[in-house]
Amino acid sequence: MTGYFLFMNTVRQGIKDEHPEYKVTQISKAVGAKWNSLDGDKKQEFLGQANKLKEAYKKKYAVYLKSDEKRDYDEAKKAWQKEQKAKEKRAKQRAKAKAQQDEYEDDDDEDDEEDEYEMVSE
């Protein structure tokens, strides 16, 4: 989470309380204006908090990457992707078979029309 978002979490409700008629975009503009007018030291506090949170996240993520949970997820994802490819292949085969069947039926209709035309002209 960025320093700006940490800041936003602290001031957003106050802005909503002060201006209940504000829509989301107006609240965002008000938060942005407050952020821009914030002095450098105060901004650094939020940016520092964000860096601490980022470092903590990186540590947790590194542990997760080596976990059984991650391996299970990767295996399930791979199985799901394989299943999706198989479904896609079956759908393409059905579509191709249907197109061929439709083409065959269209050819039959044309033959029937030619037969009708020949009967009329005789």
PDB file of N, CA and C in Angstrom:
ATOM      1  N   MET A   1       0.851  -1.162   0.000  1.00  0.00           N
ATOM      2  CA  MET A   1       0.000   0.000   0.000  1.00  0.00           C
ATOM      3  C   MET A   1       0.906   1.238   0.000  1.00  0.00           C
ATOM      4  N   THR A   2       0.518   2.215  -0.752  1.00  0.00           N
ATOM      5  CA  THR A   2       1.338   3.421  -0.859  1.00  0.00           C
ATOM      6  C   THR A   2       1.067   4.365   0.305  1.00  0.00           C
ATOM      7  N   GLY A   3       1.968   5.312   0.476  1.00  0.00           N
ATOM      8  CA  GLY A   3       1.790   6.326   1.506  1.00  0.00           C
ATOM      9  C   GLY A   3       0.512   7.115   1.286  1.00  0.00           C
ATOM     10  N   TYR A   4       0.204   7.375   0.036  1.00  0.00           N
ATOM     11  CA  TYR A   4      -1.012   8.124  -0.282  1.00  0.00           C
ATOM     12  C   TYR A   4      -2.250   7.360   0.182  1.00  0.00           C
ATOM     13  N   PHE A   5      -2.280   6.067  -0.056  1.00  0.00           N
ATOM     14  CA  PHE A   5      -3.442   5.280   0.361  1.00  0.00           C
ATOM     15  C   PHE A   5      -3.546   5.193   1.879  1.00  0.00           C
ATOM     16  N   LEU A   6      -2.428   5.106   2.560  1.00  0.00           N
ATOM     17  CA  LEU A   6      -2.468   5.132   4.021  1.00  0.00           C
ATOM     18  C   LEU A   6      -3.047   6.463   4.503  1.00  0.00           C
ATOM     19  N   PHE A   7      -2.602   7.547   3.894  1.00  0.00           N
ATOM     20  CA  PHE A   7      -3.123   8.871   4.214  1.00  0.00           C
ATOM     21  C   PHE A   7      -4.622   8.926   3.924  1.00  0.00           C
ATOM     22  N   MET A   8      -5.009   8.438   2.768  1.00  0.00           N
ATOM     23  CA  MET A   8      -6.413   8.470   2.375  1.00  0.00           C
ATOM     24  C   MET A   8      -7.274   7.738   3.402  1.00  0.00           C
ATOM     25  N   ASN A   9      -6.787   6.614   3.902  1.00  0.00           N
ATOM     26  CA  ASN A   9      -7.552   5.857   4.899  1.00  0.00           C
ATOM     27  C   ASN A   9      -7.778   6.658   6.179  1.00  0.00           C
ATOM     28  N   THR A  10      -6.874   7.577   6.475  1.00  0.00           N
ATOM     29  CA  THR A  10      -7.035   8.358   7.704  1.00  0.00           C
ATOM     30  C   THR A  10      -7.952   9.564   7.524  1.00  0.00           C
ATOM     31  N   VAL A  11      -8.080  10.097   6.321  1.00  0.00           N
ATOM     32  CA  VAL A  11      -8.866  11.324   6.132  1.00  0.00           C
ATOM     33  C   VAL A  11     -10.183  11.119   5.391  1.00  0.00           C
ATOM     34  N   ARG A  12     -10.334  10.011   4.744  1.00  0.00           N
ATOM     35  CA  ARG A  12     -11.509   9.803   3.882  1.00  0.00           C
ATOM     36  C   ARG A  12     -12.825   9.910   4.660  1.00  0.00           C
ATOM     37  N   GLN A  13     -12.918   9.220   5.776  1.00  0.00           N
ATOM     38  CA  GLN A  13     -14.171   9.240   6.537  1.00  0.00           C
ATOM     39  C   GLN A  13     -14.502  10.651   7.024  1.00  0.00           C
ATOM     40  N   GLY A  14     -13.487  11.402   7.431  1.00  0.00           N
ATOM     41  CA  GLY A  14     -13.715  12.782   7.865  1.00  0.00           C
ATOM     42  C   GLY A  14     -14.298  13.636   6.748  1.00  0.00           C
ATOM     43  N   ILE A  15     -13.792  13.460   5.545  1.00  0.00           N
ATOM     44  CA  ILE A  15     -14.303  14.206   4.394  1.00  0.00           C
ATOM     45  C   ILE A  15     -15.739  13.786   4.102  1.00  0.00           C
ATOM     46  N   LYS A  16     -16.015  12.483   4.185  1.00  0.00           N
ATOM     47  CA  LYS A  16     -17.382  12.009   3.959  1.00  0.00           C
ATOM     48  C   LYS A  16     -18.345  12.570   5.004  1.00  0.00           C
ATOM     49  N   ASP A  17     -17.871  12.655   6.252  1.00  0.00           N
ATOM     50  CA  ASP A  17     -18.716  13.202   7.318  1.00  0.00           C
ATOM     51  C   ASP A  17     -18.966  14.690   7.118  1.00  0.00           C
ATOM     52  N   GLU A  18     -17.926  15.412   6.716  1.00  0.00           N
ATOM     53  CA  GLU A  18     -18.049  16.857   6.474  1.00  0.00           C
ATOM     54  C   GLU A  18     -18.936  17.163   5.276  1.00  0.00           C
ATOM     55  N   HIS A  19     -18.831  16.320   4.257  1.00  0.00           N
ATOM     56  CA  HIS A  19     -19.553  16.554   3.003  1.00  0.00           C
ATOM     57  C   HIS A  19     -20.293  15.281   2.579  1.00  0.00           C
ATOM     58  N   PRO A  20     -21.405  14.961   3.241  1.00  0.00           N
ATOM     59  CA  PRO A  20     -22.122  13.719   2.906  1.00  0.00           C
ATOM     60  C   PRO A  20     -22.668  13.711   1.472  1.00  0.00           C
ATOM     61  N   GLU A  21     -22.785  14.889   0.876  1.00  0.00           N
ATOM     62  CA  GLU A  21     -23.311  14.978  -0.488  1.00  0.00           C
ATOM     63  C   GLU A  21     -22.260  14.655  -1.549  1.00  0.00           C
ATOM     64  N   TYR A  22     -20.987  14.570  -1.163  1.00  0.00           N
ATOM     65  CA  TYR A  22     -19.913  14.315  -2.122  1.00  0.00           C
ATOM     66  C   TYR A  22     -20.034  12.916  -2.716  1.00  0.00           C
ATOM     67  N   LYS A  23     -19.775  12.851  -3.985  1.00  0.00           N
ATOM     68  CA  LYS A  23     -19.692  11.571  -4.685  1.00  0.00           C
ATOM     69  C   LYS A  23     -18.244  11.086  -4.580  1.00  0.00           C
ATOM     70  N   VAL A  24     -17.999   9.856  -5.002  1.00  0.00           N
ATOM     71  CA  VAL A  24     -16.671   9.245  -4.875  1.00  0.00           C
ATOM     72  C   VAL A  24     -15.593  10.113  -5.529  1.00  0.00           C
ATOM     73  N   THR A  25     -15.880  10.635  -6.710  1.00  0.00           N
ATOM     74  CA  THR A  25     -14.869  11.436  -7.413  1.00  0.00           C
ATOM     75  C   THR A  25     -14.564  12.718  -6.650  1.00  0.00           C
ATOM     76  N   GLN A  26     -15.573  13.314  -6.053  1.00  0.00           N
ATOM     77  CA  GLN A  26     -15.358  14.545  -5.289  1.00  0.00           C
ATOM     78  C   GLN A  26     -14.548  14.261  -4.023  1.00  0.00           C
ATOM     79  N   ILE A  27     -14.819  13.121  -3.390  1.00  0.00           N
ATOM     80  CA  ILE A  27     -14.052  12.731  -2.201  1.00  0.00           C
ATOM     81  C   ILE A  27     -12.594  12.515  -2.591  1.00  0.00           C
ATOM     82  N   SER A  28     -12.375  11.850  -3.712  1.00  0.00           N
ATOM     83  CA  SER A  28     -11.005  11.597  -4.176  1.00  0.00           C
ATOM     84  C   SER A  28     -10.261  12.893  -4.444  1.00  0.00           C
ATOM     85  N   LYS A  29     -10.951  13.852  -5.047  1.00  0.00           N
ATOM     86  CA  LYS A  29     -10.321  15.151  -5.311  1.00  0.00           C
ATOM     87  C   LYS A  29      -9.972  15.860  -4.002  1.00  0.00           C
ATOM     88  N   ALA A  30     -10.859  15.782  -3.018  1.00  0.00           N
ATOM     89  CA  ALA A  30     -10.602  16.420  -1.727  1.00  0.00           C
ATOM     90  C   ALA A  30      -9.419  15.761  -1.018  1.00  0.00           C
ATOM     91  N   VAL A  31      -9.352  14.440  -1.075  1.00  0.00           N
ATOM     92  CA  VAL A  31      -8.223  13.725  -0.475  1.00  0.00           C
ATOM     93  C   VAL A  31      -6.927  14.136  -1.173  1.00  0.00           C
ATOM     94  N   GLY A  32      -6.957  14.199  -2.499  1.00  0.00           N
ATOM     95  CA  GLY A  32      -5.772  14.596  -3.262  1.00  0.00           C
ATOM     96  C   GLY A  32      -5.319  16.001  -2.905  1.00  0.00           C
ATOM     97  N   ALA A  33      -6.264  16.905  -2.729  1.00  0.00           N
ATOM     98  CA  ALA A  33      -5.919  18.281  -2.362  1.00  0.00           C
ATOM     99  C   ALA A  33      -5.264  18.318  -0.992  1.00  0.00           C
ATOM    100  N   LYS A  34      -5.817  17.531  -0.050  1.00  0.00           N
ATOM    101  CA  LYS A  34      -5.217  17.495   1.299  1.00  0.00           C
ATOM    102  C   LYS A  34      -3.816  16.896   1.243  1.00  0.00           C
ATOM    103  N   TRP A  35      -3.640  15.851   0.447  1.00  0.00           N
ATOM    104  CA  TRP A  35      -2.330  15.214   0.311  1.00  0.00           C
ATOM    105  C   TRP A  35      -1.316  16.201  -0.258  1.00  0.00           C
ATOM    106  N   ASN A  36      -1.715  16.940  -1.279  1.00  0.00           N
ATOM    107  CA  ASN A  36      -0.817  17.902  -1.909  1.00  0.00           C
ATOM    108  C   ASN A  36      -0.448  19.050  -0.972  1.00  0.00           C
ATOM    109  N   SER A  37      -1.338  19.382  -0.051  1.00  0.00           N
ATOM    110  CA  SER A  37      -1.054  20.489   0.867  1.00  0.00           C
ATOM    111  C   SER A  37      -0.344  20.013   2.140  1.00  0.00           C
ATOM    112  N   LEU A  38      -0.155  18.716   2.277  1.00  0.00           N
ATOM    113  CA  LEU A  38       0.500  18.154   3.459  1.00  0.00           C
ATOM    114  C   LEU A  38       1.986  18.507   3.449  1.00  0.00           C
ATOM    115  N   ASP A  39       2.526  18.856   4.643  1.00  0.00           N
ATOM    116  CA  ASP A  39       3.956  19.200   4.675  1.00  0.00           C
ATOM    117  C   ASP A  39       4.810  17.945   4.505  1.00  0.00           C
ATOM    118  N   GLY A  40       6.046  18.143   4.101  1.00  0.00           N
ATOM    119  CA  GLY A  40       6.962  17.056   3.757  1.00  0.00           C
ATOM    120  C   GLY A  40       7.184  16.055   4.862  1.00  0.00           C
ATOM    121  N   ASP A  41       7.316  16.522   6.122  1.00  0.00           N
ATOM    122  CA  ASP A  41       7.557  15.603   7.238  1.00  0.00           C
ATOM    123  C   ASP A  41       6.369  14.664   7.446  1.00  0.00           C
ATOM    124  N   LYS A  42       5.196  15.234   7.350  1.00  0.00           N
ATOM    125  CA  LYS A  42       3.993  14.430   7.557  1.00  0.00           C
ATOM    126  C   LYS A  42       3.848  13.397   6.430  1.00  0.00           C
ATOM    127  N   LYS A  43       4.148  13.816   5.203  1.00  0.00           N
ATOM    128  CA  LYS A  43       4.105  12.881   4.080  1.00  0.00           C
ATOM    129  C   LYS A  43       5.105  11.742   4.295  1.00  0.00           C
ATOM    130  N   GLN A  44       6.303  12.104   4.788  1.00  0.00           N
ATOM    131  CA  GLN A  44       7.337  11.099   5.014  1.00  0.00           C
ATOM    132  C   GLN A  44       6.881  10.051   6.019  1.00  0.00           C
ATOM    133  N   GLU A  45       6.082  10.445   7.000  1.00  0.00           N
ATOM    134  CA  GLU A  45       5.564   9.464   7.967  1.00  0.00           C
ATOM    135  C   GLU A  45       4.743   8.397   7.240  1.00  0.00           C
ATOM    136  N   PHE A  46       3.851   8.848   6.361  1.00  0.00           N
ATOM    137  CA  PHE A  46       3.015   7.902   5.619  1.00  0.00           C
ATOM    138  C   PHE A  46       3.847   7.069   4.648  1.00  0.00           C
ATOM    139  N   LEU A  47       4.810   7.689   4.004  1.00  0.00           N
ATOM    140  CA  LEU A  47       5.673   6.968   3.074  1.00  0.00           C
ATOM    141  C   LEU A  47       6.528   5.940   3.813  1.00  0.00           C
ATOM    142  N   GLY A  48       6.988   6.293   5.012  1.00  0.00           N
ATOM    143  CA  GLY A  48       7.763   5.364   5.828  1.00  0.00           C
ATOM    144  C   GLY A  48       6.926   4.169   6.263  1.00  0.00           C
ATOM    145  N   GLN A  49       5.683   4.447   6.668  1.00  0.00           N
ATOM    146  CA  GLN A  49       4.774   3.352   7.033  1.00  0.00           C
ATOM    147  C   GLN A  49       4.564   2.423   5.833  1.00  0.00           C
ATOM    148  N   ALA A  50       4.408   3.023   4.677  1.00  0.00           N
ATOM    149  CA  ALA A  50       4.185   2.228   3.465  1.00  0.00           C
ATOM    150  C   ALA A  50       5.398   1.339   3.184  1.00  0.00           C
ATOM    151  N   ASN A  51       6.591   1.867   3.360  1.00  0.00           N
ATOM    152  CA  ASN A  51       7.800   1.064   3.139  1.00  0.00           C
ATOM    153  C   ASN A  51       7.897  -0.091   4.121  1.00  0.00           C
ATOM    154  N   LYS A  52       7.538   0.157   5.388  1.00  0.00           N
ATOM    155  CA  LYS A  52       7.551  -0.915   6.389  1.00  0.00           C
ATOM    156  C   LYS A  52       6.557  -2.011   6.006  1.00  0.00           C
ATOM    157  N   LEU A  53       5.372  -1.607   5.579  1.00  0.00           N
ATOM    158  CA  LEU A  53       4.369  -2.582   5.165  1.00  0.00           C
ATOM    159  C   LEU A  53       4.838  -3.369   3.937  1.00  0.00           C
ATOM    160  N   LYS A  54       5.502  -2.690   3.031  1.00  0.00           N
ATOM    161  CA  LYS A  54       5.999  -3.343   1.822  1.00  0.00           C
ATOM    162  C   LYS A  54       7.061  -4.396   2.176  1.00  0.00           C
ATOM    163  N   GLU A  55       7.952  -4.043   3.082  1.00  0.00           N
ATOM    164  CA  GLU A  55       8.997  -4.991   3.497  1.00  0.00           C
ATOM    165  C   GLU A  55       8.383  -6.199   4.201  1.00  0.00           C
ATOM    166  N   ALA A  56       7.401  -5.962   5.051  1.00  0.00           N
ATOM    167  CA  ALA A  56       6.724  -7.070   5.739  1.00  0.00           C
ATOM    168  C   ALA A  56       6.033  -7.973   4.730  1.00  0.00           C
ATOM    169  N   TYR A  57       5.424  -7.366   3.733  1.00  0.00           N
ATOM    170  CA  TYR A  57       4.761  -8.140   2.682  1.00  0.00           C
ATOM    171  C   TYR A  57       5.770  -8.999   1.927  1.00  0.00           C
ATOM    172  N   LYS A  58       6.899  -8.417   1.579  1.00  0.00           N
ATOM    173  CA  LYS A  58       7.926  -9.166   0.831  1.00  0.00           C
ATOM    174  C   LYS A  58       8.372 -10.393   1.613  1.00  0.00           C
ATOM    175  N   LYS A  59       8.532 -10.249   2.930  1.00  0.00           N
ATOM    176  CA  LYS A  59       8.949 -11.386   3.758  1.00  0.00           C
ATOM    177  C   LYS A  59       7.882 -12.472   3.767  1.00  0.00           C
ATOM    178  N   LYS A  60       6.630 -12.064   3.964  1.00  0.00           N
ATOM    179  CA  LYS A  60       5.539 -13.040   3.979  1.00  0.00           C
ATOM    180  C   LYS A  60       5.410 -13.726   2.615  1.00  0.00           C
ATOM    181  N   TYR A  61       5.592 -12.962   1.563  1.00  0.00           N
ATOM    182  CA  TYR A  61       5.454 -13.511   0.217  1.00  0.00           C
ATOM    183  C   TYR A  61       6.560 -14.523  -0.061  1.00  0.00           C
ATOM    184  N   ALA A  62       7.767 -14.236   0.384  1.00  0.00           N
ATOM    185  CA  ALA A  62       8.880 -15.168   0.185  1.00  0.00           C
ATOM    186  C   ALA A  62       8.594 -16.491   0.896  1.00  0.00           C
ATOM    187  N   VAL A  63       8.028 -16.425   2.093  1.00  0.00           N
ATOM    188  CA  VAL A  63       7.667 -17.639   2.831  1.00  0.00           C
ATOM    189  C   VAL A  63       6.562 -18.386   2.076  1.00  0.00           C
ATOM    190  N   TYR A  64       5.584 -17.636   1.586  1.00  0.00           N
ATOM    191  CA  TYR A  64       4.476 -18.247   0.844  1.00  0.00           C
ATOM    192  C   TYR A  64       4.971 -18.973  -0.405  1.00  0.00           C
ATOM    193  N   LEU A  65       5.908 -18.384  -1.112  1.00  0.00           N
ATOM    194  CA  LEU A  65       6.408 -19.002  -2.344  1.00  0.00           C
ATOM    195  C   LEU A  65       7.015 -20.378  -2.100  1.00  0.00           C
ATOM    196  N   LYS A  66       7.515 -20.611  -0.890  1.00  0.00           N
ATOM    197  CA  LYS A  66       8.136 -21.893  -0.555  1.00  0.00           C
ATOM    198  C   LYS A  66       7.171 -22.850   0.142  1.00  0.00           C
ATOM    199  N   SER A  67       5.933 -22.437   0.321  1.00  0.00           N
ATOM    200  CA  SER A  67       4.982 -23.206   1.134  1.00  0.00           C
ATOM    201  C   SER A  67       4.266 -24.299   0.346  1.00  0.00           C
ATOM    202  N   ASP A  68       3.702 -25.251   1.092  1.00  0.00           N
ATOM    203  CA  ASP A  68       2.868 -26.293   0.500  1.00  0.00           C
ATOM    204  C   ASP A  68       1.616 -25.680  -0.113  1.00  0.00           C
ATOM    205  N   GLU A  69       1.126 -24.640   0.502  1.00  0.00           N
ATOM    206  CA  GLU A  69      -0.064 -23.959  -0.009  1.00  0.00           C
ATOM    207  C   GLU A  69       0.172 -23.458  -1.433  1.00  0.00           C
ATOM    208  N   LYS A  70       1.330 -22.889  -1.676  1.00  0.00           N
ATOM    209  CA  LYS A  70       1.675 -22.383  -3.005  1.00  0.00           C
ATOM    210  C   LYS A  70       1.811 -23.533  -3.998  1.00  0.00           C
ATOM    211  N   ARG A  71       2.460 -24.614  -3.567  1.00  0.00           N
ATOM    212  CA  ARG A  71       2.607 -25.774  -4.451  1.00  0.00           C
ATOM    213  C   ARG A  71       1.236 -26.361  -4.801  1.00  0.00           C
ATOM    214  N   ASP A  72       0.354 -26.457  -3.805  1.00  0.00           N
ATOM    215  CA  ASP A  72      -1.001 -26.965  -4.050  1.00  0.00           C
ATOM    216  C   ASP A  72      -1.744 -26.063  -5.021  1.00  0.00           C
ATOM    217  N   TYR A  73      -1.594 -24.767  -4.829  1.00  0.00           N
ATOM    218  CA  TYR A  73      -2.240 -23.803  -5.726  1.00  0.00           C
ATOM    219  C   TYR A  73      -1.729 -23.974  -7.156  1.00  0.00           C
ATOM    220  N   ASP A  74      -0.421 -24.087  -7.312  1.00  0.00           N
ATOM    221  CA  ASP A  74       0.163 -24.233  -8.652  1.00  0.00           C
ATOM    222  C   ASP A  74      -0.325 -25.509  -9.336  1.00  0.00           C
ATOM    223  N   GLU A  75      -0.418 -26.602  -8.570  1.00  0.00           N
ATOM    224  CA  GLU A  75      -0.902 -27.863  -9.137  1.00  0.00           C
ATOM    225  C   GLU A  75      -2.361 -27.741  -9.552  1.00  0.00           C
ATOM    226  N   ALA A  76      -3.176 -27.125  -8.700  1.00  0.00           N
ATOM    227  CA  ALA A  76      -4.595 -26.948  -9.017  1.00  0.00           C
ATOM    228  C   ALA A  76      -4.758 -26.038 -10.235  1.00  0.00           C
ATOM    229  N   LYS A  77      -3.942 -25.011 -10.318  1.00  0.00           N
ATOM    230  CA  LYS A  77      -4.015 -24.090 -11.453  1.00  0.00           C
ATOM    231  C   LYS A  77      -3.643 -24.814 -12.747  1.00  0.00           C
ATOM    232  N   LYS A  78      -2.587 -25.610 -12.681  1.00  0.00           N
ATOM    233  CA  LYS A  78      -2.146 -26.339 -13.866  1.00  0.00           C
ATOM    234  C   LYS A  78      -3.237 -27.315 -14.317  1.00  0.00           C
ATOM    235  N   ALA A  79      -3.865 -28.008 -13.378  1.00  0.00           N
ATOM    236  CA  ALA A  79      -4.943 -28.940 -13.717  1.00  0.00           C
ATOM    237  C   ALA A  79      -6.124 -28.189 -14.324  1.00  0.00           C
ATOM    238  N   TRP A  80      -6.457 -27.047 -13.770  1.00  0.00           N
ATOM    239  CA  TRP A  80      -7.561 -26.243 -14.293  1.00  0.00           C
ATOM    240  C   TRP A  80      -7.259 -25.767 -15.714  1.00  0.00           C
ATOM    241  N   GLN A  81      -6.032 -25.307 -15.939  1.00  0.00           N
ATOM    242  CA  GLN A  81      -5.650 -24.840 -17.274  1.00  0.00           C
ATOM    243  C   GLN A  81      -5.720 -25.979 -18.294  1.00  0.00           C
ATOM    244  N   LYS A  82      -5.285 -27.158 -17.879  1.00  0.00           N
ATOM    245  CA  LYS A  82      -5.339 -28.315 -18.765  1.00  0.00           C
ATOM    246  C   LYS A  82      -6.793 -28.638 -19.107  1.00  0.00           C
ATOM    247  N   GLU A  83      -7.645 -28.581 -18.111  1.00  0.00           N
ATOM    248  CA  GLU A  83      -9.072 -28.839 -18.317  1.00  0.00           C
ATOM    249  C   GLU A  83      -9.681 -27.799 -19.262  1.00  0.00           C
ATOM    250  N   GLN A  84      -9.290 -26.544 -19.093  1.00  0.00           N
ATOM    251  CA  GLN A  84      -9.809 -25.481 -19.962  1.00  0.00           C
ATOM    252  C   GLN A  84      -9.375 -25.689 -21.409  1.00  0.00           C
ATOM    253  N   LYS A  85      -8.128 -26.090 -21.608  1.00  0.00           N
ATOM    254  CA  LYS A  85      -7.653 -26.359 -22.967  1.00  0.00           C
ATOM    255  C   LYS A  85      -8.429 -27.504 -23.593  1.00  0.00           C
ATOM    256  N   ALA A  86      -8.689 -28.542 -22.804  1.00  0.00           N
ATOM    257  CA  ALA A  86      -9.450 -29.684 -23.312  1.00  0.00           C
ATOM    258  C   ALA A  86     -10.873 -29.251 -23.681  1.00  0.00           C
ATOM    259  N   LYS A  87     -11.498 -28.429 -22.840  1.00  0.00           N
ATOM    260  CA  LYS A  87     -12.844 -27.931 -23.137  1.00  0.00           C
ATOM    261  C   LYS A  87     -12.844 -27.099 -24.414  1.00  0.00           C
ATOM    262  N   GLU A  88     -11.830 -26.256 -24.550  1.00  0.00           N
ATOM    263  CA  GLU A  88     -11.718 -25.406 -25.740  1.00  0.00           C
ATOM    264  C   GLU A  88     -11.550 -26.269 -26.991  1.00  0.00           C
ATOM    265  N   LYS A  89     -10.737 -27.300 -26.883  1.00  0.00           N
ATOM    266  CA  LYS A  89     -10.507 -28.187 -28.026  1.00  0.00           C
ATOM    267  C   LYS A  89     -11.802 -28.905 -28.410  1.00  0.00           C
ATOM    268  N   ARG A  90     -12.545 -29.397 -27.391  1.00  0.00           N
ATOM    269  CA  ARG A  90     -13.819 -30.070 -27.680  1.00  0.00           C
ATOM    270  C   ARG A  90     -14.814 -29.106 -28.315  1.00  0.00           C
ATOM    271  N   ALA A  91     -14.844 -27.868 -27.827  1.00  0.00           N
ATOM    272  CA  ALA A  91     -15.763 -26.875 -28.385  1.00  0.00           C
ATOM    273  C   ALA A  91     -15.414 -26.572 -29.840  1.00  0.00           C
ATOM    274  N   LYS A  92     -14.132 -26.466 -30.149  1.00  0.00           N
ATOM    275  CA  LYS A  92     -13.708 -26.222 -31.532  1.00  0.00           C
ATOM    276  C   LYS A  92     -14.088 -27.398 -32.422  1.00  0.00           C
ATOM    277  N   GLN A  93     -13.908 -28.611 -31.906  1.00  0.00           N
ATOM    278  CA  GLN A  93     -14.259 -29.793 -32.689  1.00  0.00           C
ATOM    279  C   GLN A  93     -15.764 -29.830 -32.962  1.00  0.00           C
ATOM    280  N   ARG A  94     -16.571 -29.506 -31.939  1.00  0.00           N
ATOM    281  CA  ARG A  94     -18.026 -29.479 -32.136  1.00  0.00           C
ATOM    282  C   ARG A  94     -18.412 -28.411 -33.148  1.00  0.00           C
ATOM    283  N   ALA A  95     -17.777 -27.252 -33.062  1.00  0.00           N
ATOM    284  CA  ALA A  95     -18.083 -26.164 -33.992  1.00  0.00           C
ATOM    285  C   ALA A  95     -17.716 -26.551 -35.415  1.00  0.00           C
ATOM    286  N   LYS A  96     -16.569 -27.210 -35.553  1.00  0.00           N
ATOM    287  CA  LYS A  96     -16.130 -27.635 -36.885  1.00  0.00           C
ATOM    288  C   LYS A  96     -17.085 -28.685 -37.446  1.00  0.00           C
ATOM    289  N   ALA A  97     -17.495 -29.638 -36.602  1.00  0.00           N
ATOM    290  CA  ALA A  97     -18.428 -30.674 -37.049  1.00  0.00           C
ATOM    291  C   ALA A  97     -19.769 -30.057 -37.433  1.00  0.00           C
ATOM    292  N   LYS A  98     -20.227 -29.097 -36.651  1.00  0.00           N
ATOM    293  CA  LYS A  98     -21.495 -28.431 -36.957  1.00  0.00           C
ATOM    294  C   LYS A  98     -21.387 -27.650 -38.257  1.00  0.00           C
ATOM    295  N   ALA A  99     -20.274 -26.965 -38.467  1.00  0.00           N
ATOM    296  CA  ALA A  99     -20.078 -26.211 -39.703  1.00  0.00           C
ATOM    297  C   ALA A  99     -20.078 -27.146 -40.905  1.00  0.00           C
ATOM    298  N   GLN A 100     -19.423 -28.291 -40.766  1.00  0.00           N
ATOM    299  CA  GLN A 100     -19.406 -29.261 -41.861  1.00  0.00           C
ATOM    300  C   GLN A 100     -20.804 -29.804 -42.115  1.00  0.00           C
ATOM    301  N   GLN A 101     -21.551 -30.057 -41.038  1.00  0.00           N
ATOM    302  CA  GLN A 101     -22.918 -30.556 -41.174  1.00  0.00           C
ATOM    303  C   GLN A 101     -23.796 -29.505 -41.842  1.00  0.00           C
ATOM    304  N   ASP A 102     -23.652 -28.252 -41.428  1.00  0.00           N
ATOM    305  CA  ASP A 102     -24.423 -27.161 -42.029  1.00  0.00           C
ATOM    306  C   ASP A 102     -24.082 -27.024 -43.508  1.00  0.00           C
ATOM    307  N   GLU A 103     -22.816 -27.146 -43.844  1.00  0.00           N
ATOM    308  CA  GLU A 103     -22.378 -27.051 -45.238  1.00  0.00           C
ATOM    309  C   GLU A 103     -22.985 -28.186 -46.060  1.00  0.00           C
ATOM    310  N   TYR A 104     -22.990 -29.369 -45.485  1.00  0.00           N
ATOM    311  CA  TYR A 104     -23.571 -30.523 -46.166  1.00  0.00           C
ATOM    312  C   TYR A 104     -25.065 -30.305 -46.389  1.00  0.00           C
ATOM    313  N   GLU A 105     -25.759 -29.808 -45.356  1.00  0.00           N
ATOM    314  CA  GLU A 105     -27.191 -29.545 -45.479  1.00  0.00           C
ATOM    315  C   GLU A 105     -27.465 -28.452 -46.500  1.00  0.00           C
ATOM    316  N   ASP A 106     -26.607 -27.420 -46.552  1.00  0.00           N
ATOM    317  CA  ASP A 106     -26.764 -26.353 -47.537  1.00  0.00           C
ATOM    318  C   ASP A 106     -26.598 -26.908 -48.947  1.00  0.00           C
ATOM    319  N   ASP A 107     -25.647 -27.822 -49.130  1.00  0.00           N
ATOM    320  CA  ASP A 107     -25.451 -28.445 -50.439  1.00  0.00           C
ATOM    321  C   ASP A 107     -26.694 -29.223 -50.843  1.00  0.00           C
ATOM    322  N   ASP A 108     -27.308 -29.931 -49.894  1.00  0.00           N
ATOM    323  CA  ASP A 108     -28.536 -30.675 -50.172  1.00  0.00           C
ATOM    324  C   ASP A 108     -29.656 -29.722 -50.587  1.00  0.00           C
ATOM    325  N   ASP A 109     -29.777 -28.581 -49.916  1.00  0.00           N
ATOM    326  CA  ASP A 109     -30.810 -27.601 -50.245  1.00  0.00           C
ATOM    327  C   ASP A 109     -30.618 -27.075 -51.655  1.00  0.00           C
ATOM    328  N   GLU A 110     -29.382 -26.809 -52.046  1.00  0.00           N
ATOM    329  CA  GLU A 110     -29.100 -26.310 -53.386  1.00  0.00           C
ATOM    330  C   GLU A 110     -29.483 -27.354 -54.434  1.00  0.00           C
ATOM    331  N   ASP A 111     -29.190 -28.629 -54.150  1.00  0.00           N
ATOM    332  CA  ASP A 111     -29.563 -29.695 -55.073  1.00  0.00           C
ATOM    333  C   ASP A 111     -31.081 -29.767 -55.220  1.00  0.00           C
ATOM    334  N   ASP A 112     -31.782 -29.616 -54.085  1.00  0.00           N
ATOM    335  CA  ASP A 112     -33.247 -29.641 -54.118  1.00  0.00           C
ATOM    336  C   ASP A 112     -33.779 -28.481 -54.945  1.00  0.00           C
ATOM    337  N   GLU A 113     -33.201 -27.296 -54.799  1.00  0.00           N
ATOM    338  CA  GLU A 113     -33.637 -26.133 -55.562  1.00  0.00           C
ATOM    339  C   GLU A 113     -33.403 -26.354 -57.051  1.00  0.00           C
ATOM    340  N   GLU A 114     -32.282 -26.950 -57.419  1.00  0.00           N
ATOM    341  CA  GLU A 114     -31.998 -27.229 -58.818  1.00  0.00           C
ATOM    342  C   GLU A 114     -33.013 -28.215 -59.377  1.00  0.00           C
ATOM    343  N   ASP A 115     -33.375 -29.228 -58.570  1.00  0.00           N
ATOM    344  CA  ASP A 115     -34.375 -30.213 -59.006  1.00  0.00           C
ATOM    345  C   ASP A 115     -35.717 -29.532 -59.236  1.00  0.00           C
ATOM    346  N   GLU A 116     -36.113 -28.624 -58.341  1.00  0.00           N
ATOM    347  CA  GLU A 116     -37.372 -27.907 -58.480  1.00  0.00           C
ATOM    348  C   GLU A 116     -37.353 -27.059 -59.742  1.00  0.00           C
ATOM    349  N   TYR A 117     -36.242 -26.421 -60.020  1.00  0.00           N
ATOM    350  CA  TYR A 117     -36.127 -25.557 -61.191  1.00  0.00           C
ATOM    351  C   TYR A 117     -36.257 -26.393 -62.460  1.00  0.00           C
ATOM    352  N   GLU A 118     -35.609 -27.528 -62.446  1.00  0.00           N
ATOM    353  CA  GLU A 118     -35.677 -28.397 -63.618  1.00  0.00           C
ATOM    354  C   GLU A 118     -37.090 -28.882 -63.866  1.00  0.00           C
ATOM    355  N   MET A 119     -37.845 -29.138 -62.778  1.00  0.00           N
ATOM    356  CA  MET A 119     -39.207 -29.615 -62.941  1.00  0.00           C
ATOM    357  C   MET A 119     -40.080 -28.521 -63.569  1.00  0.00           C
ATOM    358  N   VAL A 120     -39.887 -27.302 -63.164  1.00  0.00           N
ATOM    359  CA  VAL A 120     -40.696 -26.197 -63.668  1.00  0.00           C
ATOM    360  C   VAL A 120     -40.408 -25.974 -65.138  1.00  0.00           C
ATOM    361  N   SER A 121     -39.179 -26.096 -65.557  1.00  0.00           N
ATOM    362  CA  SER A 121     -38.817 -25.797 -66.923  1.00  0.00           C
ATOM    363  C   SER A 121     -39.199 -26.903 -67.898  1.00  0.00           C
ATOM    364  N   GLU A 122     -39.523 -28.063 -67.418  1.00  0.00           N
ATOM    365  CA  GLU A 122     -39.847 -29.163 -68.338  1.00  0.00           C
ATOM    366  C   GLU A 122     -41.202 -29.081 -68.924  1.00  0.00           C
TER     367      GLU A 122
END
